[in-house]
Amino acid sequence: MPVSYSELLRRLTVENASATLAVPEDWMQGRSVFGGLQAAIALHAMRALVPDVPLRTLQGTFVAPVPGGVVRATAQLLRTGKSATHVEARIVDGSQTLAVFIGVFGTPRNSTVKVRPSVAPLAQERRLEFRHVAGVTPSFTQHFEPAWLRGLPPYMGDTETHHVLEVGMRDPGPATEAHILAIADFIPPIGLSHLRTPAAGSSLTWMLELFAERVDRFPLGGWRLDATLTAAQDGYTSQSVMVWAPGGTPVALSRQSMVIFG
């Protein structure tokens, strides 16, 4: 049976700054474990070293596919400054590095500079539901309830470079920082929507900047993703995504470099 994200995280074990999880088939993304889950495993390893300081940014490089089954991430402290701590975590398979993540954890600083993003209203009301189809759409998508409010899903010959999605998780919650990683990484490359026939796509690098120190007050339904395809050429795309909690609270900004094979 499919395993909810919250249940999956409860099965995760952490010991000596290493986080280990047996990943079932329903959390795969093609040949690899869903990227948001990879990041969550790495973050749990980091949290063994920095348990209480808010996460400010998470940077990831997806070096090679991470196969399902037992996945282990091991973290090491890079530097602790007056307010910022840098931690690295790697997912490896024997001697091969499969993914590398750098987390920056920072205590609050006094500052007079305050800028709060605001969510823009949609020009028109339109809702295109997306359904998981076994054997057709990636396995992990069965755990989400997405709808395109602007733009089109993959392989529909879209010409838009700005997409807006409403995303929820089939999960009782509560929301955690690991859930934010999953929600932020749900959206596929917009470049795939420009195609008319199926083709593979994957992330090369990912950077997530977090604005909210606490997310446990938010439900796991009704999140909004505003995504922009900034550039695409030679099979490489650059995409950014603004993550809004229900009610329009700004939570995170995601930036990804992706490849599409079509």
Protein backbone atom coordinates (compact mmCIF):
# COMPACT_ATOMS: atom_id res chain seq x y z
CA MET A 1 0.00 0.00 0.00
CA PRO A 2 1.14 3.60 -0.60
CA VAL A 3 2.90 5.16 2.37
CA SER A 4 2.11 8.77 3.29
CA TYR A 5 4.97 11.25 3.55
CA SER A 6 4.47 11.74 7.29
CA GLU A 7 4.50 7.98 7.88
CA LEU A 8 7.60 7.67 5.73
CA LEU A 9 9.40 10.30 7.79
CA ARG A 10 8.44 8.49 11.01
CA ARG A 11 10.23 5.40 9.69
CA LEU A 12 13.43 7.36 9.13
CA THR A 13 16.24 6.58 11.60
CA VAL A 14 19.05 8.95 12.55
CA GLU A 15 22.27 7.89 14.24
CA ASN A 16 25.68 9.62 14.36
CA ALA A 17 24.63 12.31 11.85
CA SER A 18 23.45 9.66 9.36
CA ALA A 19 19.81 9.37 8.30
CA THR A 20 18.55 6.11 6.83
CA LEU A 21 15.24 5.32 5.16
CA ALA A 22 13.88 2.37 3.19
CA VAL A 23 12.16 4.10 0.27
CA PRO A 24 9.20 2.20 -1.25
CA GLU A 25 8.30 2.14 -4.93
CA ASP A 26 5.49 4.68 -4.56
CA TRP A 27 8.06 7.40 -3.77
CA MET A 28 10.10 6.91 -6.93
CA GLN A 29 10.48 9.46 -9.72
CA GLY A 30 11.40 7.30 -12.69
CA ARG A 31 14.74 5.63 -11.94
CA SER A 32 15.43 7.82 -8.91
CA VAL A 33 13.95 8.58 -5.51
CA PHE A 34 11.77 11.74 -5.60
CA GLY A 35 14.14 14.71 -5.23
CA GLY A 36 12.16 16.32 -2.42
CA LEU A 37 12.48 13.12 -0.40
CA GLN A 38 16.22 12.91 -1.08
CA ALA A 39 16.54 16.43 0.31
CA ALA A 40 14.42 15.54 3.35
CA ILE A 41 16.64 12.54 4.18
CA ALA A 42 19.72 14.76 3.88
CA LEU A 43 18.10 17.44 6.04
CA HIS A 44 17.34 14.92 8.80
CA ALA A 45 21.02 13.97 8.84
CA MET A 46 21.92 17.67 9.12
CA ARG A 47 19.43 18.19 11.94
CA ALA A 48 21.42 15.73 14.06
CA LEU A 49 24.16 18.38 14.08
CA VAL A 50 21.99 21.53 14.10
CA PRO A 51 18.73 20.61 15.82
CA ASP A 52 17.19 24.00 16.65
CA VAL A 53 18.44 26.76 14.34
CA PRO A 54 16.07 27.73 11.47
CA LEU A 55 16.99 26.47 8.02
CA ARG A 56 17.63 29.45 5.71
CA THR A 57 18.82 27.83 2.48
CA LEU A 58 19.28 24.33 1.11
CA GLN A 59 21.39 23.72 -1.98
CA GLY A 60 21.47 20.39 -3.76
CA THR A 61 23.26 18.78 -6.68
CA PHE A 62 21.74 15.59 -8.09
CA VAL A 63 24.78 13.72 -9.36
CA ALA A 64 23.23 10.36 -10.29
CA PRO A 65 19.91 8.52 -9.84
CA VAL A 66 19.24 7.37 -6.28
CA PRO A 67 17.74 3.85 -6.46
CA GLY A 68 14.87 2.80 -4.24
CA GLY A 69 15.42 0.66 -1.19
CA VAL A 70 17.66 1.74 1.66
CA VAL A 71 18.88 5.32 1.22
CA ARG A 72 21.42 6.82 3.61
CA ALA A 73 22.61 10.41 3.96
CA THR A 74 25.58 11.34 6.15
CA ALA A 75 26.20 14.91 7.32
CA GLN A 76 29.26 16.82 8.43
CA LEU A 77 29.66 20.27 9.94
CA LEU A 78 31.53 22.66 7.65
CA ARG A 79 31.58 25.84 9.72
CA THR A 80 29.76 27.49 12.60
CA GLY A 81 29.91 31.28 12.70
CA LYS A 82 28.32 33.84 14.99
CA SER A 83 24.87 33.32 13.45
CA ALA A 84 25.20 30.98 10.44
CA THR A 85 26.09 27.28 10.36
CA HIS A 86 26.97 25.43 7.16
CA VAL A 87 26.38 21.66 7.00
CA GLU A 88 26.99 19.23 4.16
CA ALA A 89 25.15 15.94 3.62
CA ARG A 90 25.82 13.33 0.96
CA ILE A 91 23.84 10.40 -0.34
CA VAL A 92 26.26 7.73 -1.50
CA ASP A 93 26.20 4.24 -2.97
CA GLY A 94 29.45 2.57 -2.04
CA SER A 95 32.18 4.90 -3.29
CA GLN A 96 29.86 6.80 -5.67
CA THR A 97 28.28 10.07 -4.61
CA LEU A 98 24.67 10.28 -5.78
CA ALA A 99 23.61 13.63 -4.32
CA VAL A 100 25.22 16.46 -2.34
CA PHE A 101 23.34 18.98 -0.19
CA ILE A 102 24.52 22.08 1.68
CA GLY A 103 22.27 23.49 4.38
CA VAL A 104 22.73 26.95 5.87
CA PHE A 105 21.11 27.38 9.27
CA GLY A 106 20.90 30.90 10.71
CA THR A 107 19.76 32.49 13.93
CA PRO A 108 17.74 35.72 13.58
CA ARG A 109 19.66 38.99 13.21
CA ASN A 110 18.50 42.51 14.06
CA SER A 111 17.80 44.44 10.85
CA THR A 112 15.70 47.39 9.75
CA VAL A 113 15.33 45.90 6.25
CA LYS A 114 12.00 44.11 5.90
CA VAL A 115 10.45 43.11 2.56
CA ARG A 116 7.51 40.73 2.44
CA PRO A 117 6.46 39.30 -0.93
CA SER A 118 2.76 39.39 -1.74
CA VAL A 119 0.88 36.90 -3.86
CA ALA A 120 -0.59 38.27 -7.10
CA PRO A 121 -4.24 37.61 -7.93
CA LEU A 122 -4.91 35.43 -10.95
CA ALA A 123 -6.30 37.25 -13.96
CA GLN A 124 -8.84 34.52 -14.62
CA GLU A 125 -10.27 31.53 -12.81
CA ARG A 126 -9.32 28.22 -14.46
CA ARG A 127 -8.56 24.87 -12.92
CA LEU A 128 -7.06 21.84 -14.67
CA GLU A 129 -6.87 18.83 -12.38
CA PHE A 130 -3.91 16.47 -12.65
CA ARG A 131 -4.43 12.77 -11.95
CA HIS A 132 -1.89 10.09 -11.21
CA VAL A 133 -2.01 7.28 -13.76
CA ALA A 134 -0.12 4.13 -12.75
CA GLY A 135 2.63 3.31 -15.23
CA VAL A 136 2.30 6.69 -16.94
CA THR A 137 2.94 9.46 -14.42
CA PRO A 138 5.78 9.26 -11.85
CA SER A 139 4.94 7.08 -8.85
CA PHE A 140 5.43 9.83 -6.25
CA THR A 141 2.68 11.99 -7.81
CA GLN A 142 -0.01 9.74 -6.29
CA HIS A 143 0.71 11.42 -2.94
CA PHE A 144 -0.19 14.90 -4.24
CA GLU A 145 -3.38 16.69 -5.28
CA PRO A 146 -2.27 19.23 -7.91
CA ALA A 147 -4.18 21.46 -10.29
CA TRP A 148 -2.86 23.85 -12.94
CA LEU A 149 -4.41 27.31 -12.52
CA ARG A 150 -2.24 28.77 -15.27
CA GLY A 151 -0.25 26.89 -17.89
CA LEU A 152 -0.63 23.23 -18.82
CA PRO A 153 0.74 19.90 -17.51
CA PRO A 154 3.62 18.14 -19.31
CA TYR A 155 3.40 17.13 -22.98
CA MET A 156 0.46 19.37 -23.88
CA GLY A 157 2.27 21.74 -26.24
CA ASP A 158 2.04 24.75 -23.92
CA THR A 159 3.66 28.08 -24.82
CA GLU A 160 3.40 29.71 -21.38
CA THR A 161 6.60 30.35 -19.41
CA HIS A 162 4.73 31.21 -16.21
CA HIS A 163 2.72 28.48 -14.48
CA VAL A 164 0.58 28.64 -11.36
CA LEU A 165 -0.33 25.44 -9.52
CA GLU A 166 -2.42 24.65 -6.48
CA VAL A 167 -0.85 21.72 -4.65
CA GLY A 168 -1.91 19.65 -1.67
CA MET A 169 -0.51 16.47 -0.16
CA ARG A 170 -2.49 13.32 0.61
CA ASP A 171 -1.11 13.39 4.12
CA PRO A 172 -2.66 14.01 7.56
CA GLY A 173 0.24 16.29 8.56
CA PRO A 174 1.17 18.38 10.39
CA ALA A 175 3.33 20.35 7.98
CA THR A 176 7.07 20.24 8.65
CA GLU A 177 10.11 21.70 6.90
CA ALA A 178 10.45 18.33 5.15
CA HIS A 179 6.94 18.76 3.71
CA ILE A 180 7.98 22.14 2.30
CA LEU A 181 10.79 20.40 0.42
CA ALA A 182 8.29 17.96 -1.07
CA ILE A 183 5.76 20.63 -2.07
CA ALA A 184 8.43 22.91 -3.56
CA ASP A 185 9.89 20.07 -5.63
CA PHE A 186 6.59 18.71 -6.91
CA ILE A 187 6.31 20.85 -10.04
CA PRO A 188 7.85 19.28 -13.16
CA PRO A 189 10.08 21.24 -15.57
CA ILE A 190 7.91 23.76 -17.41
CA GLY A 191 9.93 22.82 -20.49
CA LEU A 192 8.18 19.44 -20.52
CA SER A 193 4.85 21.23 -20.91
CA HIS A 194 6.15 22.76 -24.15
CA LEU A 195 6.56 19.29 -25.64
CA ARG A 196 3.81 17.29 -27.35
CA THR A 197 5.30 13.84 -26.85
CA PRO A 198 6.68 12.30 -23.62
CA ALA A 199 10.36 12.80 -22.86
CA ALA A 200 12.50 12.42 -19.78
CA GLY A 201 13.50 15.33 -17.57
CA SER A 202 15.38 15.70 -14.31
CA SER A 203 16.95 18.24 -11.97
CA LEU A 204 20.66 19.01 -11.97
CA THR A 205 20.82 21.55 -9.16
CA TRP A 206 18.33 22.95 -6.67
CA MET A 207 18.45 25.86 -4.27
CA LEU A 208 15.66 26.53 -1.81
CA GLU A 209 15.52 29.74 0.23
CA LEU A 210 13.15 29.61 3.20
CA PHE A 211 11.36 32.60 4.68
CA ALA A 212 9.14 31.10 7.39
CA GLU A 213 10.74 29.79 10.58
CA ARG A 214 7.66 27.75 11.51
CA VAL A 215 5.30 25.96 9.15
CA ASP A 216 3.46 23.59 11.50
CA ARG A 217 0.44 25.95 11.65
CA PHE A 218 -0.31 25.42 7.95
CA PRO A 219 -2.51 22.63 6.55
CA LEU A 220 -1.15 20.45 3.76
CA GLY A 221 -3.82 21.46 1.26
CA GLY A 222 -4.20 24.60 -0.79
CA TRP A 223 -0.55 25.56 -1.37
CA ARG A 224 0.27 27.70 -4.39
CA LEU A 225 3.32 27.47 -6.62
CA ASP A 226 4.16 30.35 -8.98
CA ALA A 227 6.75 29.02 -11.43
CA THR A 228 8.70 30.83 -14.14
CA LEU A 229 10.78 29.29 -16.90
CA THR A 230 13.54 31.89 -17.18
CA ALA A 231 15.58 30.32 -19.98
CA ALA A 232 15.87 27.11 -22.01
CA GLN A 233 18.42 26.04 -24.59
CA ASP A 234 20.53 23.01 -25.54
CA GLY A 235 18.29 20.79 -23.40
CA TYR A 236 18.96 22.76 -20.19
CA THR A 237 16.35 24.91 -18.44
CA SER A 238 16.38 27.43 -15.60
CA GLN A 239 13.25 27.62 -13.48
CA SER A 240 12.21 29.45 -10.31
CA VAL A 241 9.22 28.74 -8.08
CA MET A 242 7.66 30.88 -5.37
CA VAL A 243 5.98 28.78 -2.68
CA TRP A 244 2.93 30.26 -0.92
CA ALA A 245 1.18 28.69 2.05
CA PRO A 246 -2.64 28.68 2.15
CA GLY A 247 -3.80 32.26 2.63
CA GLY A 248 -0.88 33.70 0.65
CA THR A 249 1.92 33.52 3.23
CA PRO A 250 5.32 33.48 1.47
CA VAL A 251 7.26 30.40 2.59
CA ALA A 252 10.08 29.68 0.14
CA LEU A 253 11.75 30.49 -3.16
CA SER A 254 13.01 27.56 -5.23
CA ARG A 255 15.49 27.75 -8.12
CA GLN A 256 16.35 24.75 -10.27
CA SER A 257 18.56 23.94 -13.22
CA MET A 258 17.00 21.05 -15.14
CA VAL A 259 17.57 18.95 -18.23
CA ILE A 260 14.94 17.77 -20.69
CA PHE A 261 15.55 15.10 -23.32
CA GLY A 262 13.24 16.33 -26.01
